[in-house]
Amino acid sequence: MTDLTTILALTLGACVSMGVLGAALLHLIRRRSLRAQLTMATLIPVVAVVATVAINVQFMFLSSHDSAVILVALAISMALAVGGAWLVMRRIVQASQQLGAGLNQLVAESAGAGGGSSVLTKVERSAELPHELARVAADLTDARATLAEARGRERAAEQSRRELVAFMSHDLRTPLAGLRALSEGLEDGVIKDVPRALSDLRSTVTRMAGLVDDLFALSRLQGAPHPKEQKLVSLTELLTDVASEIAATATTREVKLRLDVPPEDRLAVLGSPDDLTRAFANLVVNAVQHTDRGHTVELRGQRADNGRVQVAVTDGCGGIPTAHLSKVFETGWRGTPSRSGDDRGAGLGLAIAREVVESHAGDIEVNNVDGGCRFNIVLPAPKQRAER
């Protein structure tokens, strides 16, 4: 056997032996800390090289001086490998501990304990954090922001539900008290004008039925997507019908109702005719009821340059305080005496209109204009809706 063959055999044997020994050690410490496992994995190839060189030095019959130099170099290399492995493992372990602390704080914050933001921010900005763990910290920070936003929406929804219950309780209590008084009066025979009392009973029942219908509609729209059939709807025809139905109410209140729709364009959209009719009727009725006598409510439909359909309802209510504009579509909103909900009470009309428009992939907003306010609704054309 030649010297080269001997060296190769010794090298191969030393490497294989150290590899098998290293694998066995890694298996034994598989449940130990990450620091121990990574340190062992880093040192295994270094130790294999040291062992291989040390064995070959003995068989190469080098001088004692050369052997000492090689062994010293191996010792220094071994020390550097151990120090480097220890430093890297220390940083990784510290970063992992910081990341774990941030995660624990995030869990505590999700449970309502709070205090997770400062820890996560400190971890994310740490200069000692490796790139991969820095990305994890950034993802946790984004998750915290998303969680905070969701909790904010949840609190707002809960507050809205509480206000709705309070409003509905108040608005139902009044007609119920009236019904009770009328029924007791009829029963005791103290009411002389029975036909008038029966008419009042019917009006009160109708108003209560409207409240219940609005509450049911809002509950359905805010819940899971309903299976109502979506089909092409002509907003030109729909707005014309809405204006015709509300014309008598506008005349009674001495309010002018003006309709402006293009005769050559059907303003087709994809959606539910019943829901869209309810939404626009709520907006127009709301506008008529809060417009001063002698003023005008304008209902206008048109197609924008981008193909989307725009509908505007402009009234003469005198305007809405700027601080209340963002609350107009909240359930049960009663911002000012002039716009405190419709005559049926609970202020659900605008909330229902918003839910209908958003369920049709549209947008709705309100802005003050000269003498009143304008509700702007934008709905996508059928092709645009299909692309969404």
Protein backbone atom coordinates (compact mmCIF):
# COMPACT_ATOMS: atom_id res chain seq x y z
CA MET A 1 0.00 0.00 0.00
CA THR A 2 1.46 3.39 -1.03
CA ASP A 3 1.79 6.36 1.32
CA LEU A 4 -0.96 8.22 -0.54
CA THR A 5 -3.33 5.29 -0.18
CA THR A 6 -2.54 5.09 3.52
CA ILE A 7 -3.18 8.79 4.03
CA LEU A 8 -6.48 8.61 2.15
CA ALA A 9 -7.58 5.57 4.13
CA LEU A 10 -6.69 7.21 7.45
CA THR A 11 -8.42 10.41 6.43
CA LEU A 12 -11.56 8.56 5.33
CA GLY A 13 -11.62 6.45 8.46
CA ALA A 14 -11.18 9.43 10.77
CA CYS A 15 -13.88 11.44 9.02
CA VAL A 16 -16.35 8.55 8.98
CA SER A 17 -15.64 7.76 12.62
CA MET A 18 -16.12 11.36 13.73
CA GLY A 19 -19.25 11.63 11.58
CA VAL A 20 -20.79 8.54 13.17
CA LEU A 21 -19.79 9.73 16.63
CA GLY A 22 -21.19 13.20 15.94
CA ALA A 23 -24.48 11.78 14.65
CA ALA A 24 -24.78 9.64 17.77
CA LEU A 25 -24.11 12.63 20.02
CA LEU A 26 -26.66 14.76 18.16
CA HIS A 27 -29.20 11.99 18.61
CA LEU A 28 -28.49 11.83 22.33
CA ILE A 29 -28.91 15.59 22.83
CA ARG A 30 -31.88 15.99 20.49
CA ARG A 31 -34.06 17.11 23.41
CA ARG A 32 -31.49 19.51 24.81
CA SER A 33 -31.32 23.22 24.13
CA LEU A 34 -30.87 24.66 20.65
CA ARG A 35 -27.55 26.12 21.78
CA ALA A 36 -26.12 22.68 22.60
CA GLN A 37 -27.30 21.12 19.35
CA LEU A 38 -26.04 23.92 17.11
CA THR A 39 -22.71 24.03 18.96
CA MET A 40 -22.28 20.29 18.50
CA ALA A 41 -23.21 20.48 14.82
CA THR A 42 -20.68 23.27 14.29
CA LEU A 43 -17.84 21.49 16.09
CA ILE A 44 -18.24 18.05 14.49
CA PRO A 45 -16.55 18.90 11.15
CA VAL A 46 -13.84 20.93 12.91
CA VAL A 47 -13.05 18.04 15.25
CA ALA A 48 -13.01 15.67 12.27
CA VAL A 49 -10.43 17.85 10.53
CA VAL A 50 -8.32 18.10 13.69
CA ALA A 51 -8.43 14.36 14.25
CA THR A 52 -7.59 13.64 10.60
CA VAL A 53 -4.62 16.01 10.56
CA ALA A 54 -3.33 14.76 13.93
CA ILE A 55 -3.40 11.13 12.74
CA ASN A 56 -1.72 11.93 9.46
CA VAL A 57 0.99 13.93 11.21
CA GLN A 58 1.94 10.83 13.17
CA PHE A 59 2.24 8.70 10.02
CA MET A 60 3.98 11.26 7.81
CA PHE A 61 7.17 11.18 9.95
CA LEU A 62 7.36 14.95 10.10
CA SER A 63 9.94 16.58 12.30
CA SER A 64 8.99 17.46 15.83
CA HIS A 65 9.18 21.13 14.93
CA ASP A 66 6.77 20.76 11.99
CA SER A 67 4.46 18.54 14.03
CA ALA A 68 4.37 21.11 16.85
CA VAL A 69 3.54 23.90 14.40
CA ILE A 70 0.68 21.92 12.86
CA LEU A 71 -0.72 20.87 16.21
CA VAL A 72 -0.59 24.45 17.53
CA ALA A 73 -2.40 25.65 14.41
CA LEU A 74 -5.03 22.95 14.92
CA ALA A 75 -5.43 23.93 18.57
CA ILE A 76 -5.88 27.60 17.66
CA SER A 77 -8.35 26.67 14.89
CA MET A 78 -10.26 24.52 17.37
CA ALA A 79 -10.38 27.38 19.86
CA LEU A 80 -11.56 29.81 17.20
CA ALA A 81 -14.28 27.36 16.10
CA VAL A 82 -15.48 26.90 19.67
CA GLY A 83 -15.47 30.67 20.30
CA GLY A 84 -17.27 31.45 17.06
CA ALA A 85 -19.86 28.76 17.65
CA TRP A 86 -20.42 29.99 21.18
CA LEU A 87 -20.84 33.62 20.05
CA VAL A 88 -23.30 32.74 17.27
CA MET A 89 -25.27 30.42 19.52
CA ARG A 90 -25.38 33.07 22.25
CA ARG A 91 -26.86 35.62 19.86
CA ILE A 92 -29.39 33.16 18.48
CA VAL A 93 -30.47 32.04 21.95
CA GLN A 94 -30.80 35.62 23.20
CA ALA A 95 -32.77 36.61 20.12
CA SER A 96 -35.01 33.57 20.53
CA GLN A 97 -35.62 34.45 24.17
CA GLN A 98 -36.51 38.03 23.24
CA LEU A 99 -38.77 36.80 20.47
CA GLY A 100 -40.43 34.37 22.89
CA ALA A 101 -41.00 37.20 25.36
CA GLY A 102 -42.57 39.30 22.62
CA LEU A 103 -44.78 36.40 21.57
CA ASN A 104 -45.89 35.85 25.18
CA GLN A 105 -46.75 39.52 25.47
CA LEU A 106 -48.69 39.32 22.21
CA VAL A 107 -50.69 36.38 23.56
CA ALA A 108 -51.31 38.32 26.77
CA GLU A 109 -52.46 41.33 24.76
CA SER A 110 -54.81 39.18 22.69
CA ALA A 111 -56.34 38.05 25.98
CA GLY A 112 -56.84 41.66 27.02
CA ALA A 113 -53.84 42.09 29.31
CA GLY A 114 -52.07 44.60 27.04
CA GLY A 115 -48.40 45.59 27.05
CA GLY A 116 -47.16 43.70 23.98
CA SER A 117 -46.29 46.64 21.75
CA SER A 118 -43.16 47.85 23.58
CA VAL A 119 -41.65 44.36 23.78
CA LEU A 120 -42.24 43.61 20.10
CA THR A 121 -40.95 47.01 19.03
CA LYS A 122 -37.78 46.51 21.11
CA VAL A 123 -37.22 43.07 19.60
CA GLU A 124 -37.80 44.26 16.05
CA ARG A 125 -35.33 47.14 16.47
CA SER A 126 -32.67 45.05 18.18
CA ALA A 127 -29.33 45.22 16.36
CA GLU A 128 -28.45 41.73 17.63
CA LEU A 129 -31.38 40.07 15.90
CA PRO A 130 -30.48 37.79 12.96
CA HIS A 131 -32.19 38.55 9.68
CA GLU A 132 -34.54 35.56 9.77
CA LEU A 133 -35.68 36.25 13.33
CA ALA A 134 -35.98 39.96 12.53
CA ARG A 135 -38.49 39.01 9.84
CA VAL A 136 -40.40 36.90 12.35
CA ALA A 137 -40.45 39.86 14.76
CA ALA A 138 -41.74 42.11 11.98
CA ASP A 139 -44.48 39.58 11.19
CA LEU A 140 -45.42 39.51 14.88
CA THR A 141 -45.61 43.29 14.92
CA ASP A 142 -47.89 43.21 11.88
CA ALA A 143 -49.98 40.53 13.57
CA ARG A 144 -50.26 42.73 16.65
CA ALA A 145 -51.45 45.67 14.53
CA THR A 146 -54.00 43.45 12.80
CA LEU A 147 -55.14 42.10 16.16
CA ALA A 148 -55.49 45.60 17.59
CA GLU A 149 -57.52 46.66 14.57
CA ALA A 150 -59.76 43.60 14.90
CA ARG A 151 -60.26 44.26 18.61
CA GLY A 152 -61.14 47.86 17.81
CA ARG A 153 -63.74 46.73 15.28
CA GLU A 154 -65.07 44.22 17.76
CA ARG A 155 -65.41 46.88 20.47
CA ALA A 156 -67.10 49.24 18.02
CA ALA A 157 -69.51 46.51 16.92
CA GLU A 158 -70.29 45.63 20.53
CA GLN A 159 -70.90 49.29 21.36
CA SER A 160 -73.09 49.59 18.28
CA ARG A 161 -75.11 46.54 19.34
CA ARG A 162 -75.61 47.95 22.82
CA GLU A 163 -76.75 51.27 21.43
CA LEU A 164 -79.07 49.50 19.01
CA VAL A 165 -80.66 47.52 21.83
CA ALA A 166 -81.10 50.72 23.83
CA PHE A 167 -82.58 52.59 20.86
CA MET A 168 -84.90 49.77 19.93
CA SER A 169 -86.04 49.36 23.52
CA HIS A 170 -86.87 53.06 23.68
CA ASP A 171 -88.54 53.20 20.28
CA LEU A 172 -90.62 50.09 20.92
CA ARG A 173 -91.61 51.14 24.43
CA THR A 174 -93.36 54.29 23.19
CA PRO A 175 -95.69 52.64 20.63
CA LEU A 176 -96.32 49.74 22.99
CA ALA A 177 -97.42 52.18 25.67
CA GLY A 178 -99.71 53.82 23.15
CA LEU A 179 -101.18 50.48 22.10
CA ARG A 180 -101.76 49.58 25.71
CA ALA A 181 -103.49 52.87 26.44
CA LEU A 182 -105.70 52.58 23.36
CA SER A 183 -106.63 48.96 24.06
CA GLU A 184 -107.48 49.73 27.69
CA GLY A 185 -109.52 52.75 26.62
CA LEU A 186 -111.47 50.69 24.11
CA GLU A 187 -111.96 47.92 26.66
CA ASP A 188 -113.23 50.31 29.33
CA GLY A 189 -115.43 52.20 26.87
CA VAL A 190 -113.88 55.59 27.66
CA ILE A 191 -112.89 56.23 24.03
CA LYS A 192 -115.82 57.70 22.12
CA ASP A 193 -114.22 57.96 18.67
CA VAL A 194 -113.68 54.24 18.08
CA PRO A 195 -112.85 54.50 14.33
CA ARG A 196 -110.14 57.07 15.10
CA ALA A 197 -108.75 54.83 17.86
CA LEU A 198 -108.66 51.85 15.50
CA SER A 199 -106.88 53.97 12.90
CA ASP A 200 -104.31 54.97 15.52
CA LEU A 201 -103.89 51.32 16.45
CA ARG A 202 -103.23 50.40 12.83
CA SER A 203 -100.73 53.26 12.41
CA THR A 204 -98.86 52.24 15.55
CA VAL A 205 -98.74 48.58 14.51
CA THR A 206 -97.49 49.62 11.07
CA ARG A 207 -94.75 51.72 12.63
CA MET A 208 -93.70 48.84 14.91
CA ALA A 209 -93.72 46.46 11.97
CA GLY A 210 -91.42 48.87 10.14
CA LEU A 211 -89.03 48.89 13.07
CA VAL A 212 -88.95 45.11 13.17
CA ASP A 213 -88.48 44.91 9.39
CA ASP A 214 -85.55 47.33 9.53
CA LEU A 215 -83.96 45.40 12.38
CA PHE A 216 -84.35 42.12 10.51
CA ALA A 217 -82.96 43.60 7.29
CA LEU A 218 -79.93 45.02 9.09
CA SER A 219 -79.30 41.73 10.86
CA ARG A 220 -79.46 39.84 7.57
CA LEU A 221 -77.15 42.26 5.77
CA GLN A 222 -74.57 42.28 8.57
CA GLY A 223 -74.56 38.50 8.86
CA ALA A 224 -73.33 35.83 6.48
CA PRO A 225 -73.80 36.46 2.73
CA HIS A 226 -77.42 35.80 1.90
CA PRO A 227 -78.38 33.58 -1.03
CA LYS A 228 -80.51 36.22 -2.78
CA GLU A 229 -80.34 35.99 -6.53
CA GLN A 230 -78.05 38.54 -8.17
CA LYS A 231 -79.29 39.79 -11.53
CA LEU A 232 -79.09 42.80 -13.79
CA VAL A 233 -80.97 45.76 -12.35
CA SER A 234 -81.75 49.00 -14.15
CA LEU A 235 -81.08 51.81 -11.69
CA THR A 236 -82.83 54.22 -14.08
CA GLU A 237 -86.08 52.29 -13.66
CA LEU A 238 -85.46 51.59 -9.99
CA LEU A 239 -84.85 55.26 -9.12
CA THR A 240 -87.89 56.27 -11.13
CA ASP A 241 -90.05 53.85 -9.13
CA VAL A 242 -88.58 55.03 -5.83
CA ALA A 243 -89.27 58.67 -6.72
CA SER A 244 -92.85 57.83 -7.71
CA GLU A 245 -93.51 56.00 -4.44
CA ILE A 246 -92.15 58.83 -2.28
CA ALA A 247 -93.66 61.68 -4.31
CA ALA A 248 -96.85 61.72 -2.19
CA THR A 249 -94.84 61.96 1.04
CA ALA A 250 -92.78 64.81 -0.40
CA THR A 251 -95.91 66.66 -1.51
CA THR A 252 -97.45 66.27 1.96
CA ARG A 253 -94.34 67.77 3.53
CA GLU A 254 -94.24 70.53 0.90
CA VAL A 255 -90.86 69.34 -0.34
CA LYS A 256 -89.98 69.26 -4.03
CA LEU A 257 -88.63 65.93 -5.26
CA ARG A 258 -86.62 66.13 -8.48
CA LEU A 259 -85.41 63.10 -10.43
CA ASP A 260 -82.56 63.31 -12.92
CA VAL A 261 -81.65 60.09 -14.76
CA PRO A 262 -80.37 59.59 -18.31
CA PRO A 263 -83.18 58.34 -20.59
CA GLU A 264 -80.72 56.68 -22.97
CA ASP A 265 -78.85 54.67 -20.31
CA ARG A 266 -80.48 52.03 -18.09
CA LEU A 267 -77.59 52.32 -15.61
CA ALA A 268 -77.44 48.55 -15.27
CA VAL A 269 -75.79 47.00 -12.21
CA LEU A 270 -75.62 43.47 -10.87
CA GLY A 271 -77.44 42.96 -7.58
CA SER A 272 -80.64 42.39 -5.65
CA PRO A 273 -83.54 44.62 -6.77
CA ASP A 274 -85.26 44.39 -3.38
CA ASP A 275 -82.17 45.38 -1.40
CA LEU A 276 -81.24 48.20 -3.76
CA THR A 277 -84.80 49.54 -3.72
CA ARG A 278 -84.79 49.49 0.07
CA ALA A 279 -81.44 51.30 0.24
CA PHE A 280 -82.37 54.11 -2.14
CA ALA A 281 -85.85 54.44 -0.64
CA ASN A 282 -84.29 54.83 2.80
CA LEU A 283 -81.97 57.55 1.52
CA VAL A 284 -84.72 59.48 -0.29
CA VAL A 285 -87.25 59.17 2.57
CA ASN A 286 -84.57 60.29 5.01
CA ALA A 287 -83.79 63.28 2.78
CA VAL A 288 -87.45 64.27 2.39
CA GLN A 289 -88.16 64.02 6.12
CA HIS A 290 -85.23 66.25 7.05
CA THR A 291 -85.58 68.86 4.32
CA ASP A 292 -87.23 72.15 5.23
CA ARG A 293 -90.54 73.02 3.61
CA GLY A 294 -90.20 74.67 0.23
CA HIS A 295 -86.74 73.18 -0.43
CA THR A 296 -85.78 70.48 -2.91
CA VAL A 297 -84.54 66.90 -2.70
CA GLU A 298 -82.67 65.85 -5.82
CA LEU A 299 -82.17 62.22 -6.87
CA ARG A 300 -79.62 61.95 -9.66
CA GLY A 301 -78.19 58.92 -11.45
CA GLN A 302 -75.39 58.94 -14.02
CA ARG A 303 -72.55 56.87 -15.42
CA ALA A 304 -68.98 57.94 -14.73
CA ASP A 305 -66.20 57.90 -17.29
CA ASN A 306 -64.79 54.69 -15.77
CA GLY A 307 -68.11 52.88 -16.34
CA ARG A 308 -69.22 52.88 -12.71
CA VAL A 309 -72.74 54.03 -11.86
CA GLN A 310 -73.10 57.06 -9.58
CA VAL A 311 -76.21 57.99 -7.63
CA ALA A 312 -76.49 61.18 -5.57
CA VAL A 313 -79.24 62.14 -3.11
CA THR A 314 -79.07 65.83 -2.20
CA ASP A 315 -81.32 67.33 0.48
CA GLY A 316 -81.95 70.68 2.16
CA CYS A 317 -81.46 69.69 5.78
CA GLY A 318 -79.05 72.51 6.52
CA GLY A 319 -76.02 70.24 6.76
CA ILE A 320 -74.50 67.84 9.26
CA PRO A 321 -71.83 68.89 11.79
CA THR A 322 -68.40 67.87 10.53
CA ALA A 323 -67.73 65.87 13.69
CA HIS A 324 -70.80 63.72 12.96
CA LEU A 325 -70.15 62.98 9.28
CA SER A 326 -68.15 59.85 10.10
CA LYS A 327 -70.97 58.53 12.31
CA VAL A 328 -73.89 59.01 9.93
CA PHE A 329 -73.96 55.37 8.83
CA GLU A 330 -73.55 53.89 12.30
CA THR A 331 -76.43 51.81 13.57
CA GLY A 332 -78.84 53.96 15.57
CA TRP A 333 -77.04 57.24 14.86
CA ARG A 334 -78.88 60.24 16.24
CA GLY A 335 -76.45 63.08 15.80
CA THR A 336 -78.65 66.17 15.63
CA PRO A 337 -82.32 66.97 16.13
CA SER A 338 -82.70 67.58 12.39
CA ARG A 339 -81.28 64.19 11.45
CA SER A 340 -82.17 61.86 14.26
CA GLY A 341 -83.41 58.92 12.26
CA ASP A 342 -86.61 58.48 10.34
CA ASP A 343 -90.12 58.77 11.71
CA ARG A 344 -90.18 55.08 12.45
CA GLY A 345 -87.54 55.69 15.03
CA ALA A 346 -84.39 53.67 15.43
CA GLY A 347 -82.13 55.36 12.88
CA LEU A 348 -81.53 52.14 10.94
CA GLY A 349 -82.25 53.49 7.46
CA LEU A 350 -78.77 54.86 6.72
CA ALA A 351 -77.07 51.84 8.29
CA ILE A 352 -79.14 49.55 6.06
CA ALA A 353 -78.27 51.66 3.00
CA ARG A 354 -74.55 51.35 3.76
CA GLU A 355 -74.76 47.57 4.25
CA VAL A 356 -76.66 47.16 0.96
CA VAL A 357 -74.21 49.29 -1.01
CA GLU A 358 -71.16 47.54 0.46
CA SER A 359 -72.71 44.11 -0.17
CA HIS A 360 -72.91 45.15 -3.84
CA ALA A 361 -69.16 46.00 -3.91
CA GLY A 362 -69.99 49.70 -3.92
CA ASP A 363 -69.06 52.77 -1.89
CA ILE A 364 -71.23 55.30 -0.06
CA GLU A 365 -70.29 58.59 1.55
CA VAL A 366 -71.90 61.81 2.71
CA ASN A 367 -70.68 65.38 2.33
CA ASN A 368 -72.09 68.76 3.22
CA VAL A 369 -73.18 71.01 0.36
CA ASP A 370 -74.70 74.46 0.24
CA GLY A 371 -77.91 74.29 2.30
CA GLY A 372 -77.83 70.57 3.04
CA CYS A 373 -75.88 67.39 2.43
CA ARG A 374 -75.33 64.93 -0.39
CA PHE A 375 -75.15 61.14 -0.19
CA ASN A 376 -72.97 59.76 -2.99
CA ILE A 377 -73.26 56.10 -3.97
CA VAL A 378 -70.96 54.42 -6.49
CA LEU A 379 -71.72 50.93 -7.81
CA PRO A 380 -69.58 48.91 -10.24
CA ALA A 381 -70.84 48.07 -13.69
CA PRO A 382 -71.75 44.38 -14.20
CA LYS A 383 -68.39 43.56 -15.87
CA GLN A 384 -66.45 45.29 -13.11
CA ARG A 385 -68.46 43.43 -10.47
CA ALA A 386 -67.69 40.09 -12.17
CA GLU A 387 -63.96 40.86 -12.21
CA ARG A 388 -64.05 41.38 -8.43
